[in-house]
Amino acid sequence: MKIAVLMGGMSGERNVSFTGGKAIYNALLRKGNEVIAVDPALGVDCIIDINSLDIKNEIPSEEELSKFHTKNYIDCINSNIFDDIDCVFNLVHGKWGEDGHLQALLELRGIPYTGSNIRSSALSMDKIQSKMIFSAGGITTPLWTSIKISQADDYELLAEIRKELGSKLVIKPYDQGSALGLTIVYDGNLDDISNGIKKVESTSNMALIEEYIPGREITVAVIDNKAYPIIEIKPHEGYYDYKNKYTKGQTEYICPAEISNDIEDFILNLAAGASQLLGCKDFCRVDFRLDPDGIPQCLEVNTIPGFTELSLLPMAAKAGGVEFDELCQLLIDLALKK
């Protein structure tokens, strides 16, 4: 079977995508497939030698990302490189890769691909829309509101938001991953809230503001409609930001998490329910905060979670008896069944 692993892309998660893409590329080779590594941000010259690439463990600069154009995605997928591809493993995170755009190009080309379809990808990436769906479907989620970046200096509005949601707030882009652009305000300072909203501007035109939920950070992998063992995430300092996610030794992971059986079953059912509500396919990861009263609050669903050595979905799969190489091949097989 000939497989193209899509990686890189134009979002702030470009380097993380390369790291995970490299692991998938080599796993699929070990399973006996013919595999090419493809960076759609490069246009027609998109095939890369991933094992020779110097991958940086940092967020690419705006200057670096500005060198790419979205038209390159069209040129890449429309090129003759894909004439004999049997399936695509899509690991392009974030905007233009995880939000339905790349999925649409692959569907127009008639190429099977891993993961969720156009609609589900778009809904899951849009945290505002997904939270509306959670609320309508009975999935507990933190109180929230959204705000335009242009309203960041409207202190009267910010004071109203603080009154509604509390003094501890989480501010993040409504359409990004890997905690990019995330700010936690602990004391309700209006200047800090304003600055947190402005921090979002480089990636989005809208910020999501949530009440801060104290407690434990947990996540659930859902693979082929089955929820896998819960993972608890415990950064050694601060919160689970980009640095703590992708720097070895910065975070402790407990899998399976030490949670009572009744709450565990409830969380697993919520995770599967959130995935189904958004129409996710093949695999996804559902993130929660477990508050001090044992109530899980669903934060978001990631339709293309990470596949680095520190990534949570492969960790959960292994705890459930599925090794990494088998996981990668399973996702290809599921894509072909669709």
C-alpha atoms as a PDB file:
ATOM      1  CA  MET A   1       0.000   0.000   0.000  1.00  0.00           C
ATOM      2  CA  LYS A   2       1.256   3.488  -0.820  1.00  0.00           C
ATOM      3  CA  ILE A   3       0.633   6.044   1.905  1.00  0.00           C
ATOM      4  CA  ALA A   4       1.337   9.769   2.096  1.00  0.00           C
ATOM      5  CA  VAL A   5       1.868  11.141   5.601  1.00  0.00           C
ATOM      6  CA  LEU A   6       0.951  14.822   5.597  1.00  0.00           C
ATOM      7  CA  MET A   7       2.872  16.894   8.145  1.00  0.00           C
ATOM      8  CA  GLY A   8       4.218  20.387   8.751  1.00  0.00           C
ATOM      9  CA  GLY A   9       1.742  22.914   7.437  1.00  0.00           C
ATOM     10  CA  MET A  10       1.348  26.604   8.189  1.00  0.00           C
ATOM     11  CA  SER A  11       0.221  26.776  11.827  1.00  0.00           C
ATOM     12  CA  GLY A  12       2.199  27.341  14.996  1.00  0.00           C
ATOM     13  CA  GLU A  13       2.132  23.562  15.464  1.00  0.00           C
ATOM     14  CA  ARG A  14       4.290  23.019  12.350  1.00  0.00           C
ATOM     15  CA  ASN A  15       7.302  21.592  14.194  1.00  0.00           C
ATOM     16  CA  VAL A  16       5.192  19.380  16.468  1.00  0.00           C
ATOM     17  CA  SER A  17       3.563  17.980  13.333  1.00  0.00           C
ATOM     18  CA  PHE A  18       6.970  17.117  11.866  1.00  0.00           C
ATOM     19  CA  THR A  19       7.954  15.237  15.024  1.00  0.00           C
ATOM     20  CA  GLY A  20       4.769  13.190  15.095  1.00  0.00           C
ATOM     21  CA  GLY A  21       4.785  12.752  11.326  1.00  0.00           C
ATOM     22  CA  LYS A  22       8.281  11.304  11.465  1.00  0.00           C
ATOM     23  CA  ALA A  23       7.171   8.714  14.021  1.00  0.00           C
ATOM     24  CA  ILE A  24       4.145   7.742  11.911  1.00  0.00           C
ATOM     25  CA  TYR A  25       6.209   7.614   8.703  1.00  0.00           C
ATOM     26  CA  ASN A  26       8.670   5.145  10.216  1.00  0.00           C
ATOM     27  CA  ALA A  27       5.940   3.087  11.881  1.00  0.00           C
ATOM     28  CA  LEU A  28       4.096   2.621   8.587  1.00  0.00           C
ATOM     29  CA  LEU A  29       7.358   1.661   6.880  1.00  0.00           C
ATOM     30  CA  ARG A  30       7.911  -0.995   9.533  1.00  0.00           C
ATOM     31  CA  LYS A  31       4.422  -2.328   8.769  1.00  0.00           C
ATOM     32  CA  GLY A  32       5.511  -2.965   5.189  1.00  0.00           C
ATOM     33  CA  ASN A  33       3.941   0.012   3.429  1.00  0.00           C
ATOM     34  CA  GLU A  34       5.447   2.285   0.784  1.00  0.00           C
ATOM     35  CA  VAL A  35       5.428   5.704   2.455  1.00  0.00           C
ATOM     36  CA  ILE A  36       6.191   9.296   1.448  1.00  0.00           C
ATOM     37  CA  ALA A  37       6.432  12.291   3.777  1.00  0.00           C
ATOM     38  CA  VAL A  38       4.617  15.369   2.452  1.00  0.00           C
ATOM     39  CA  ASP A  39       4.546  18.981   3.657  1.00  0.00           C
ATOM     40  CA  PRO A  40       1.608  20.679   1.870  1.00  0.00           C
ATOM     41  CA  ALA A  41       2.939  24.128   2.780  1.00  0.00           C
ATOM     42  CA  LEU A  42       5.657  23.591   0.137  1.00  0.00           C
ATOM     43  CA  GLY A  43       3.286  23.296  -2.835  1.00  0.00           C
ATOM     44  CA  VAL A  44       4.243  20.993  -5.725  1.00  0.00           C
ATOM     45  CA  ASP A  45       7.702  20.383  -4.225  1.00  0.00           C
ATOM     46  CA  CYS A  46       6.101  18.899  -1.125  1.00  0.00           C
ATOM     47  CA  ILE A  47       7.912  15.570  -0.689  1.00  0.00           C
ATOM     48  CA  ILE A  48      10.447  15.827   2.132  1.00  0.00           C
ATOM     49  CA  ASP A  49      13.154  13.601   3.608  1.00  0.00           C
ATOM     50  CA  ILE A  50      11.711  13.588   7.091  1.00  0.00           C
ATOM     51  CA  ASN A  51      14.447  11.450   8.673  1.00  0.00           C
ATOM     52  CA  SER A  52      17.077  14.014   7.626  1.00  0.00           C
ATOM     53  CA  LEU A  53      15.071  17.074   8.654  1.00  0.00           C
ATOM     54  CA  ASP A  54      16.363  19.134  11.587  1.00  0.00           C
ATOM     55  CA  ILE A  55      13.174  19.533  13.638  1.00  0.00           C
ATOM     56  CA  LYS A  56      13.192  22.358  16.170  1.00  0.00           C
ATOM     57  CA  ASN A  57      11.387  21.974  19.489  1.00  0.00           C
ATOM     58  CA  GLU A  58       9.905  25.467  19.378  1.00  0.00           C
ATOM     59  CA  ILE A  59       7.016  27.443  17.941  1.00  0.00           C
ATOM     60  CA  PRO A  60       7.932  28.741  14.467  1.00  0.00           C
ATOM     61  CA  SER A  61       8.076  32.512  14.154  1.00  0.00           C
ATOM     62  CA  GLU A  62       5.423  34.540  12.331  1.00  0.00           C
ATOM     63  CA  GLU A  63       8.144  35.490   9.848  1.00  0.00           C
ATOM     64  CA  GLU A  64       8.860  31.832   9.101  1.00  0.00           C
ATOM     65  CA  LEU A  65       5.180  30.976   8.638  1.00  0.00           C
ATOM     66  CA  SER A  66       4.545  34.043   6.459  1.00  0.00           C
ATOM     67  CA  LYS A  67       6.756  32.506   3.735  1.00  0.00           C
ATOM     68  CA  PHE A  68       4.020  29.974   2.973  1.00  0.00           C
ATOM     69  CA  HIS A  69       0.757  30.559   1.104  1.00  0.00           C
ATOM     70  CA  THR A  70      -2.503  28.647   1.423  1.00  0.00           C
ATOM     71  CA  LYS A  71      -2.528  28.140  -2.365  1.00  0.00           C
ATOM     72  CA  ASN A  72       0.409  25.771  -1.838  1.00  0.00           C
ATOM     73  CA  TYR A  73      -2.027  23.303  -0.256  1.00  0.00           C
ATOM     74  CA  ILE A  74      -4.106  23.266  -3.442  1.00  0.00           C
ATOM     75  CA  ASP A  75      -1.019  22.868  -5.626  1.00  0.00           C
ATOM     76  CA  CYS A  76       0.270  20.051  -3.432  1.00  0.00           C
ATOM     77  CA  ILE A  77      -2.901  17.955  -3.281  1.00  0.00           C
ATOM     78  CA  ASN A  78      -3.620  18.603  -6.974  1.00  0.00           C
ATOM     79  CA  SER A  79      -0.145  17.465  -8.053  1.00  0.00           C
ATOM     80  CA  ASN A  80       0.597  14.128  -9.719  1.00  0.00           C
ATOM     81  CA  ILE A  81       2.282  13.002  -6.501  1.00  0.00           C
ATOM     82  CA  PHE A  82      -1.131  11.828  -5.324  1.00  0.00           C
ATOM     83  CA  ASP A  83      -2.074   9.965  -8.527  1.00  0.00           C
ATOM     84  CA  ASP A  84      -1.164   6.572  -7.041  1.00  0.00           C
ATOM     85  CA  ILE A  85      -1.656   7.225  -3.310  1.00  0.00           C
ATOM     86  CA  ASP A  86      -3.935   4.664  -1.661  1.00  0.00           C
ATOM     87  CA  CYS A  87      -4.454   6.586   1.585  1.00  0.00           C
ATOM     88  CA  VAL A  88      -3.324   9.742   3.391  1.00  0.00           C
ATOM     89  CA  PHE A  89      -2.389   9.865   7.074  1.00  0.00           C
ATOM     90  CA  ASN A  90      -3.102  13.505   7.897  1.00  0.00           C
ATOM     91  CA  LEU A  91      -1.090  14.891  10.810  1.00  0.00           C
ATOM     92  CA  VAL A  92      -1.202  18.588   9.889  1.00  0.00           C
ATOM     93  CA  HIS A  93      -2.323  20.277  13.115  1.00  0.00           C
ATOM     94  CA  GLY A  94      -4.153  23.545  13.587  1.00  0.00           C
ATOM     95  CA  LYS A  95      -5.436  26.019  11.047  1.00  0.00           C
ATOM     96  CA  TRP A  96      -5.601  24.800   7.424  1.00  0.00           C
ATOM     97  CA  GLY A  97      -4.885  21.209   8.460  1.00  0.00           C
ATOM     98  CA  GLU A  98      -7.239  20.263  11.265  1.00  0.00           C
ATOM     99  CA  ASP A  99     -10.157  22.585  10.501  1.00  0.00           C
ATOM    100  CA  GLY A 100     -11.693  20.989   7.404  1.00  0.00           C
ATOM    101  CA  HIS A 101      -9.752  22.799   4.666  1.00  0.00           C
ATOM    102  CA  LEU A 102      -7.249  20.042   3.949  1.00  0.00           C
ATOM    103  CA  GLN A 103      -9.971  17.433   4.360  1.00  0.00           C
ATOM    104  CA  ALA A 104     -12.011  19.202   1.668  1.00  0.00           C
ATOM    105  CA  LEU A 105      -9.099  19.121  -0.790  1.00  0.00           C
ATOM    106  CA  LEU A 106      -8.547  15.418  -0.186  1.00  0.00           C
ATOM    107  CA  GLU A 107     -12.238  14.648  -0.669  1.00  0.00           C
ATOM    108  CA  LEU A 108     -12.338  16.651  -3.906  1.00  0.00           C
ATOM    109  CA  ARG A 109      -9.350  14.626  -5.087  1.00  0.00           C
ATOM    110  CA  GLY A 110     -11.054  11.393  -4.016  1.00  0.00           C
ATOM    111  CA  ILE A 111      -8.279  10.262  -1.689  1.00  0.00           C
ATOM    112  CA  PRO A 112      -9.102   8.367   1.542  1.00  0.00           C
ATOM    113  CA  TYR A 113      -7.634  10.008   4.659  1.00  0.00           C
ATOM    114  CA  THR A 114      -7.413   9.356   8.378  1.00  0.00           C
ATOM    115  CA  GLY A 115      -9.541  11.173  10.891  1.00  0.00           C
ATOM    116  CA  SER A 116     -12.724  13.186  10.865  1.00  0.00           C
ATOM    117  CA  ASN A 117     -14.515  14.588   7.830  1.00  0.00           C
ATOM    118  CA  ILE A 118     -14.859  18.231   6.775  1.00  0.00           C
ATOM    119  CA  ARG A 119     -17.830  19.078   8.996  1.00  0.00           C
ATOM    120  CA  SER A 120     -16.569  17.364  12.146  1.00  0.00           C
ATOM    121  CA  SER A 121     -13.086  18.820  11.745  1.00  0.00           C
ATOM    122  CA  ALA A 122     -14.481  22.345  11.365  1.00  0.00           C
ATOM    123  CA  LEU A 123     -16.845  21.996  14.335  1.00  0.00           C
ATOM    124  CA  SER A 124     -14.195  20.551  16.641  1.00  0.00           C
ATOM    125  CA  MET A 125     -11.634  23.204  15.733  1.00  0.00           C
ATOM    126  CA  ASP A 126     -14.146  25.981  16.408  1.00  0.00           C
ATOM    127  CA  LYS A 127     -14.260  25.981  20.209  1.00  0.00           C
ATOM    128  CA  ILE A 128     -17.264  28.328  20.229  1.00  0.00           C
ATOM    129  CA  GLN A 129     -19.407  26.065  18.046  1.00  0.00           C
ATOM    130  CA  SER A 130     -18.275  22.892  19.792  1.00  0.00           C
ATOM    131  CA  LYS A 131     -19.115  24.280  23.235  1.00  0.00           C
ATOM    132  CA  MET A 132     -22.608  25.176  22.011  1.00  0.00           C
ATOM    133  CA  ILE A 133     -23.005  21.576  20.861  1.00  0.00           C
ATOM    134  CA  PHE A 134     -21.679  20.243  24.195  1.00  0.00           C
ATOM    135  CA  SER A 135     -24.235  22.310  26.103  1.00  0.00           C
ATOM    136  CA  ALA A 136     -27.095  21.224  23.829  1.00  0.00           C
ATOM    137  CA  GLY A 137     -26.028  17.578  24.138  1.00  0.00           C
ATOM    138  CA  GLY A 138     -25.728  17.527  27.931  1.00  0.00           C
ATOM    139  CA  ILE A 139     -21.913  17.487  28.065  1.00  0.00           C
ATOM    140  CA  THR A 140     -20.724  19.540  31.054  1.00  0.00           C
ATOM    141  CA  THR A 141     -18.364  22.351  30.029  1.00  0.00           C
ATOM    142  CA  PRO A 142     -17.023  25.462  31.812  1.00  0.00           C
ATOM    143  CA  LEU A 143     -19.051  28.669  31.614  1.00  0.00           C
ATOM    144  CA  TRP A 144     -17.755  30.729  28.711  1.00  0.00           C
ATOM    145  CA  THR A 145     -18.190  33.646  26.380  1.00  0.00           C
ATOM    146  CA  SER A 146     -16.486  34.927  23.250  1.00  0.00           C
ATOM    147  CA  ILE A 147     -15.123  38.348  22.417  1.00  0.00           C
ATOM    148  CA  LYS A 148     -13.719  40.060  19.341  1.00  0.00           C
ATOM    149  CA  ILE A 149     -10.097  41.162  19.577  1.00  0.00           C
ATOM    150  CA  SER A 150     -11.237  44.692  18.721  1.00  0.00           C
ATOM    151  CA  GLN A 151     -13.136  44.742  22.040  1.00  0.00           C
ATOM    152  CA  ALA A 152     -10.043  44.081  24.152  1.00  0.00           C
ATOM    153  CA  ASP A 153      -9.942  47.660  25.474  1.00  0.00           C
ATOM    154  CA  ASP A 154     -13.647  47.822  26.341  1.00  0.00           C
ATOM    155  CA  TYR A 155     -13.093  47.636  30.093  1.00  0.00           C
ATOM    156  CA  GLU A 156     -16.803  47.967  30.853  1.00  0.00           C
ATOM    157  CA  LEU A 157     -17.446  44.806  28.828  1.00  0.00           C
ATOM    158  CA  LEU A 158     -14.476  43.044  30.451  1.00  0.00           C
ATOM    159  CA  ALA A 159     -15.851  43.890  33.902  1.00  0.00           C
ATOM    160  CA  GLU A 160     -19.205  42.352  32.911  1.00  0.00           C
ATOM    161  CA  ILE A 161     -17.447  39.205  31.736  1.00  0.00           C
ATOM    162  CA  ARG A 162     -15.501  38.993  34.995  1.00  0.00           C
ATOM    163  CA  LYS A 163     -18.739  39.397  36.967  1.00  0.00           C
ATOM    164  CA  GLU A 164     -20.354  36.576  34.984  1.00  0.00           C
ATOM    165  CA  LEU A 165     -17.457  34.111  34.845  1.00  0.00           C
ATOM    166  CA  GLY A 166     -15.451  34.969  37.956  1.00  0.00           C
ATOM    167  CA  SER A 167     -12.007  36.411  38.630  1.00  0.00           C
ATOM    168  CA  LYS A 168     -10.087  33.339  37.490  1.00  0.00           C
ATOM    169  CA  LEU A 169     -10.291  33.110  33.700  1.00  0.00           C
ATOM    170  CA  VAL A 170      -8.811  31.154  30.806  1.00  0.00           C
ATOM    171  CA  ILE A 171      -8.370  33.119  27.571  1.00  0.00           C
ATOM    172  CA  LYS A 172      -7.458  31.401  24.300  1.00  0.00           C
ATOM    173  CA  PRO A 173      -7.955  31.573  20.540  1.00  0.00           C
ATOM    174  CA  TYR A 174     -11.217  29.989  19.474  1.00  0.00           C
ATOM    175  CA  ASP A 175      -9.544  28.015  16.667  1.00  0.00           C
ATOM    176  CA  GLN A 176      -6.036  26.910  17.695  1.00  0.00           C
ATOM    177  CA  GLY A 177      -4.391  23.957  19.447  1.00  0.00           C
ATOM    178  CA  SER A 178      -1.328  23.098  21.558  1.00  0.00           C
ATOM    179  CA  ALA A 179      -2.255  25.869  24.041  1.00  0.00           C
ATOM    180  CA  LEU A 180      -1.046  28.455  21.515  1.00  0.00           C
ATOM    181  CA  GLY A 181      -2.018  31.968  22.606  1.00  0.00           C
ATOM    182  CA  LEU A 182      -3.436  30.747  25.935  1.00  0.00           C
ATOM    183  CA  THR A 183      -3.473  32.988  29.022  1.00  0.00           C
ATOM    184  CA  ILE A 184      -4.683  32.243  32.544  1.00  0.00           C
ATOM    185  CA  VAL A 185      -5.752  35.257  34.621  1.00  0.00           C
ATOM    186  CA  TYR A 186      -5.868  34.366  38.307  1.00  0.00           C
ATOM    187  CA  ASP A 187      -6.971  37.610  39.987  1.00  0.00           C
ATOM    188  CA  GLY A 188      -9.423  39.255  37.584  1.00  0.00           C
ATOM    189  CA  ASN A 189      -7.112  42.163  36.750  1.00  0.00           C
ATOM    190  CA  LEU A 190      -8.736  43.946  33.805  1.00  0.00           C
ATOM    191  CA  ASP A 191      -5.388  44.885  32.262  1.00  0.00           C
ATOM    192  CA  ASP A 192      -4.373  41.214  32.315  1.00  0.00           C
ATOM    193  CA  ILE A 193      -7.682  40.191  30.743  1.00  0.00           C
ATOM    194  CA  SER A 194      -7.235  42.830  28.029  1.00  0.00           C
ATOM    195  CA  ASN A 195      -3.665  41.712  27.333  1.00  0.00           C
ATOM    196  CA  GLY A 196      -4.739  38.074  27.220  1.00  0.00           C
ATOM    197  CA  ILE A 197      -7.298  38.902  24.541  1.00  0.00           C
ATOM    198  CA  LYS A 198      -4.728  40.879  22.546  1.00  0.00           C
ATOM    199  CA  LYS A 199      -2.310  37.926  22.752  1.00  0.00           C
ATOM    200  CA  VAL A 200      -4.776  35.974  20.636  1.00  0.00           C
ATOM    201  CA  GLU A 201      -4.599  38.509  17.802  1.00  0.00           C
ATOM    202  CA  SER A 202      -1.601  36.958  16.030  1.00  0.00           C
ATOM    203  CA  THR A 203      -3.562  33.752  15.355  1.00  0.00           C
ATOM    204  CA  SER A 204      -7.296  34.546  15.572  1.00  0.00           C
ATOM    205  CA  ASN A 205      -9.819  37.356  15.364  1.00  0.00           C
ATOM    206  CA  MET A 206     -11.870  35.994  18.253  1.00  0.00           C
ATOM    207  CA  ALA A 207     -11.026  34.918  21.791  1.00  0.00           C
ATOM    208  CA  LEU A 208     -12.798  32.360  23.934  1.00  0.00           C
ATOM    209  CA  ILE A 209     -12.975  33.252  27.627  1.00  0.00           C
ATOM    210  CA  GLU A 210     -13.819  30.470  30.112  1.00  0.00           C
ATOM    211  CA  GLU A 211     -14.224  30.308  33.852  1.00  0.00           C
ATOM    212  CA  TYR A 212     -11.140  28.724  35.374  1.00  0.00           C
ATOM    213  CA  ILE A 213     -11.887  25.232  36.707  1.00  0.00           C
ATOM    214  CA  PRO A 214      -9.594  24.179  39.578  1.00  0.00           C
ATOM    215  CA  GLY A 215      -8.761  20.519  39.932  1.00  0.00           C
ATOM    216  CA  ARG A 216      -7.115  17.823  37.859  1.00  0.00           C
ATOM    217  CA  GLU A 217      -6.307  17.914  34.152  1.00  0.00           C
ATOM    218  CA  ILE A 218      -7.266  14.702  32.375  1.00  0.00           C
ATOM    219  CA  THR A 219      -7.705  13.504  28.820  1.00  0.00           C
ATOM    220  CA  VAL A 220      -9.342  10.570  27.053  1.00  0.00           C
ATOM    221  CA  ALA A 221      -8.399   9.041  23.711  1.00  0.00           C
ATOM    222  CA  VAL A 222     -11.270   7.744  21.590  1.00  0.00           C
ATOM    223  CA  ILE A 223     -10.213   5.279  18.871  1.00  0.00           C
ATOM    224  CA  ASP A 224     -12.739   3.576  16.597  1.00  0.00           C
ATOM    225  CA  ASN A 225     -15.555   4.745  18.945  1.00  0.00           C
ATOM    226  CA  LYS A 226     -13.881   3.176  21.983  1.00  0.00           C
ATOM    227  CA  ALA A 227     -12.701   5.287  24.924  1.00  0.00           C
ATOM    228  CA  TYR A 228      -9.225   4.281  26.151  1.00  0.00           C
ATOM    229  CA  PRO A 229      -7.712   4.602  29.667  1.00  0.00           C
ATOM    230  CA  ILE A 230      -7.818   8.076  31.190  1.00  0.00           C
ATOM    231  CA  ILE A 231      -4.545  10.010  31.474  1.00  0.00           C
ATOM    232  CA  GLU A 232      -3.915  12.574  34.200  1.00  0.00           C
ATOM    233  CA  ILE A 233      -1.588  15.425  33.228  1.00  0.00           C
ATOM    234  CA  LYS A 234       0.553  17.010  35.965  1.00  0.00           C
ATOM    235  CA  PRO A 235       2.989  19.726  34.819  1.00  0.00           C
ATOM    236  CA  HIS A 236       5.850  20.213  37.285  1.00  0.00           C
ATOM    237  CA  GLU A 237       5.228  23.947  37.205  1.00  0.00           C
ATOM    238  CA  GLY A 238       2.689  26.309  35.685  1.00  0.00           C
ATOM    239  CA  TYR A 239       0.003  24.968  33.395  1.00  0.00           C
ATOM    240  CA  TYR A 240       0.039  22.581  30.434  1.00  0.00           C
ATOM    241  CA  ASP A 241       1.380  25.055  27.876  1.00  0.00           C
ATOM    242  CA  TYR A 242       3.410  24.416  24.703  1.00  0.00           C
ATOM    243  CA  LYS A 243       6.669  24.067  26.639  1.00  0.00           C
ATOM    244  CA  ASN A 244       5.235  21.601  29.151  1.00  0.00           C
ATOM    245  CA  LYS A 245       3.526  19.621  26.385  1.00  0.00           C
ATOM    246  CA  TYR A 246       6.573  19.087  24.203  1.00  0.00           C
ATOM    247  CA  THR A 247       9.621  19.216  26.503  1.00  0.00           C
ATOM    248  CA  LYS A 248      10.625  15.891  27.968  1.00  0.00           C
ATOM    249  CA  GLY A 249      10.620  15.828  31.768  1.00  0.00           C
ATOM    250  CA  GLN A 250       8.418  18.922  32.182  1.00  0.00           C
ATOM    251  CA  THR A 251       5.210  16.998  32.859  1.00  0.00           C
ATOM    252  CA  GLU A 252       4.208  13.833  34.711  1.00  0.00           C
ATOM    253  CA  TYR A 253       1.624  11.577  33.061  1.00  0.00           C
ATOM    254  CA  ILE A 254      -0.385   9.034  35.044  1.00  0.00           C
ATOM    255  CA  CYS A 255      -2.005   6.359  32.888  1.00  0.00           C
ATOM    256  CA  PRO A 256      -4.389   4.986  33.848  1.00  0.00           C
ATOM    257  CA  ALA A 257      -5.348   7.899  36.086  1.00  0.00           C
ATOM    258  CA  GLU A 258      -6.144   7.141  39.715  1.00  0.00           C
ATOM    259  CA  ILE A 259      -9.882   7.815  39.633  1.00  0.00           C
ATOM    260  CA  SER A 260     -12.742   5.925  41.285  1.00  0.00           C
ATOM    261  CA  ASN A 261     -14.533   3.446  39.046  1.00  0.00           C
ATOM    262  CA  ASP A 262     -17.854   5.300  38.971  1.00  0.00           C
ATOM    263  CA  ILE A 263     -16.281   8.628  37.996  1.00  0.00           C
ATOM    264  CA  GLU A 264     -14.010   6.864  35.501  1.00  0.00           C
ATOM    265  CA  ASP A 265     -16.985   5.253  33.769  1.00  0.00           C
ATOM    266  CA  PHE A 266     -18.785   8.601  33.689  1.00  0.00           C
ATOM    267  CA  ILE A 267     -15.782  10.342  32.105  1.00  0.00           C
ATOM    268  CA  LEU A 268     -15.303   7.614  29.495  1.00  0.00           C
ATOM    269  CA  ASN A 269     -18.965   7.871  28.528  1.00  0.00           C
ATOM    270  CA  LEU A 270     -18.732  11.671  28.338  1.00  0.00           C
ATOM    271  CA  ALA A 271     -15.665  11.434  26.105  1.00  0.00           C
ATOM    272  CA  ALA A 272     -17.376   9.014  23.727  1.00  0.00           C
ATOM    273  CA  GLY A 273     -20.480  11.213  23.795  1.00  0.00           C
ATOM    274  CA  ALA A 274     -18.554  14.386  22.979  1.00  0.00           C
ATOM    275  CA  SER A 275     -16.836  12.623  20.093  1.00  0.00           C
ATOM    276  CA  GLN A 276     -20.153  11.374  18.716  1.00  0.00           C
ATOM    277  CA  LEU A 277     -21.872  14.739  19.091  1.00  0.00           C
ATOM    278  CA  LEU A 278     -19.236  16.343  16.871  1.00  0.00           C
ATOM    279  CA  GLY A 279     -19.299  13.426  14.452  1.00  0.00           C
ATOM    280  CA  CYS A 280     -15.637  12.515  14.915  1.00  0.00           C
ATOM    281  CA  LYS A 281     -14.259   9.527  13.019  1.00  0.00           C
ATOM    282  CA  ASP A 282     -11.380   7.079  13.543  1.00  0.00           C
ATOM    283  CA  PHE A 283      -9.694   8.846  16.462  1.00  0.00           C
ATOM    284  CA  CYS A 284      -9.726  11.961  18.615  1.00  0.00           C
ATOM    285  CA  ARG A 285      -8.739  13.120  22.090  1.00  0.00           C
ATOM    286  CA  VAL A 286     -11.166  14.729  24.545  1.00  0.00           C
ATOM    287  CA  ASP A 287      -9.752  17.058  27.214  1.00  0.00           C
ATOM    288  CA  PHE A 288     -11.337  17.626  30.636  1.00  0.00           C
ATOM    289  CA  ARG A 289     -10.843  19.332  33.974  1.00  0.00           C
ATOM    290  CA  LEU A 290     -11.993  17.228  36.911  1.00  0.00           C
ATOM    291  CA  ASP A 291     -13.117  19.688  39.582  1.00  0.00           C
ATOM    292  CA  PRO A 292     -12.693  19.122  43.355  1.00  0.00           C
ATOM    293  CA  ASP A 293     -16.261  17.763  43.556  1.00  0.00           C
ATOM    294  CA  GLY A 294     -15.427  15.056  41.020  1.00  0.00           C
ATOM    295  CA  ILE A 295     -17.409  16.667  38.198  1.00  0.00           C
ATOM    296  CA  PRO A 296     -15.669  16.420  34.797  1.00  0.00           C
ATOM    297  CA  GLN A 297     -15.846  19.565  32.667  1.00  0.00           C
ATOM    298  CA  CYS A 298     -15.210  19.017  28.956  1.00  0.00           C
ATOM    299  CA  LEU A 299     -12.846  21.587  27.465  1.00  0.00           C
ATOM    300  CA  GLU A 300     -12.471  20.545  23.832  1.00  0.00           C
ATOM    301  CA  VAL A 301     -12.097  17.735  21.316  1.00  0.00           C
ATOM    302  CA  ASN A 302      -8.900  17.394  19.285  1.00  0.00           C
ATOM    303  CA  THR A 303      -9.490  15.634  15.957  1.00  0.00           C
ATOM    304  CA  ILE A 304      -5.765  15.428  15.081  1.00  0.00           C
ATOM    305  CA  PRO A 305      -3.983  14.959  18.417  1.00  0.00           C
ATOM    306  CA  GLY A 306      -0.220  14.704  18.693  1.00  0.00           C
ATOM    307  CA  PHE A 307       1.858  11.648  17.811  1.00  0.00           C
ATOM    308  CA  THR A 308       5.206  12.601  19.376  1.00  0.00           C
ATOM    309  CA  GLU A 309       6.910  10.415  21.991  1.00  0.00           C
ATOM    310  CA  LEU A 310       5.197  12.518  24.668  1.00  0.00           C
ATOM    311  CA  SER A 311       1.769  12.497  23.025  1.00  0.00           C
ATOM    312  CA  LEU A 312      -1.273  11.336  24.891  1.00  0.00           C
ATOM    313  CA  LEU A 313      -3.327   9.357  22.369  1.00  0.00           C
ATOM    314  CA  PRO A 314      -0.517   6.854  21.634  1.00  0.00           C
ATOM    315  CA  MET A 315       0.104   6.623  25.390  1.00  0.00           C
ATOM    316  CA  ALA A 316      -3.528   5.770  26.065  1.00  0.00           C
ATOM    317  CA  ALA A 317      -3.601   3.298  23.167  1.00  0.00           C
ATOM    318  CA  LYS A 318      -0.574   1.490  24.580  1.00  0.00           C
ATOM    319  CA  ALA A 319      -2.220   1.318  28.003  1.00  0.00           C
ATOM    320  CA  GLY A 320      -5.192  -0.248  26.233  1.00  0.00           C
ATOM    321  CA  GLY A 321      -3.011  -2.863  24.552  1.00  0.00           C
ATOM    322  CA  VAL A 322      -2.359  -1.214  21.170  1.00  0.00           C
ATOM    323  CA  GLU A 323       1.305  -0.555  20.370  1.00  0.00           C
ATOM    324  CA  PHE A 324       2.341   2.470  18.283  1.00  0.00           C
ATOM    325  CA  ASP A 325       2.977   0.694  14.971  1.00  0.00           C
ATOM    326  CA  GLU A 326      -0.305  -1.198  15.235  1.00  0.00           C
ATOM    327  CA  LEU A 327      -2.119   2.056  16.062  1.00  0.00           C
ATOM    328  CA  CYS A 328      -0.800   3.790  12.943  1.00  0.00           C
ATOM    329  CA  GLN A 329      -1.786   0.861  10.726  1.00  0.00           C
ATOM    330  CA  LEU A 330      -5.204   0.617  12.420  1.00  0.00           C
ATOM    331  CA  LEU A 331      -5.952   4.255  11.581  1.00  0.00           C
ATOM    332  CA  ILE A 332      -5.046   3.647   7.936  1.00  0.00           C
ATOM    333  CA  ASP A 333      -7.326   0.599   7.868  1.00  0.00           C
ATOM    334  CA  LEU A 334     -10.188   2.616   9.394  1.00  0.00           C
ATOM    335  CA  ALA A 335      -9.703   5.358   6.806  1.00  0.00           C
ATOM    336  CA  LEU A 336      -9.970   2.854   3.980  1.00  0.00           C
ATOM    337  CA  LYS A 337     -13.172   1.359   5.437  1.00  0.00           C
ATOM    338  CA  LYS A 338     -14.875   4.755   5.198  1.00  0.00           C
END
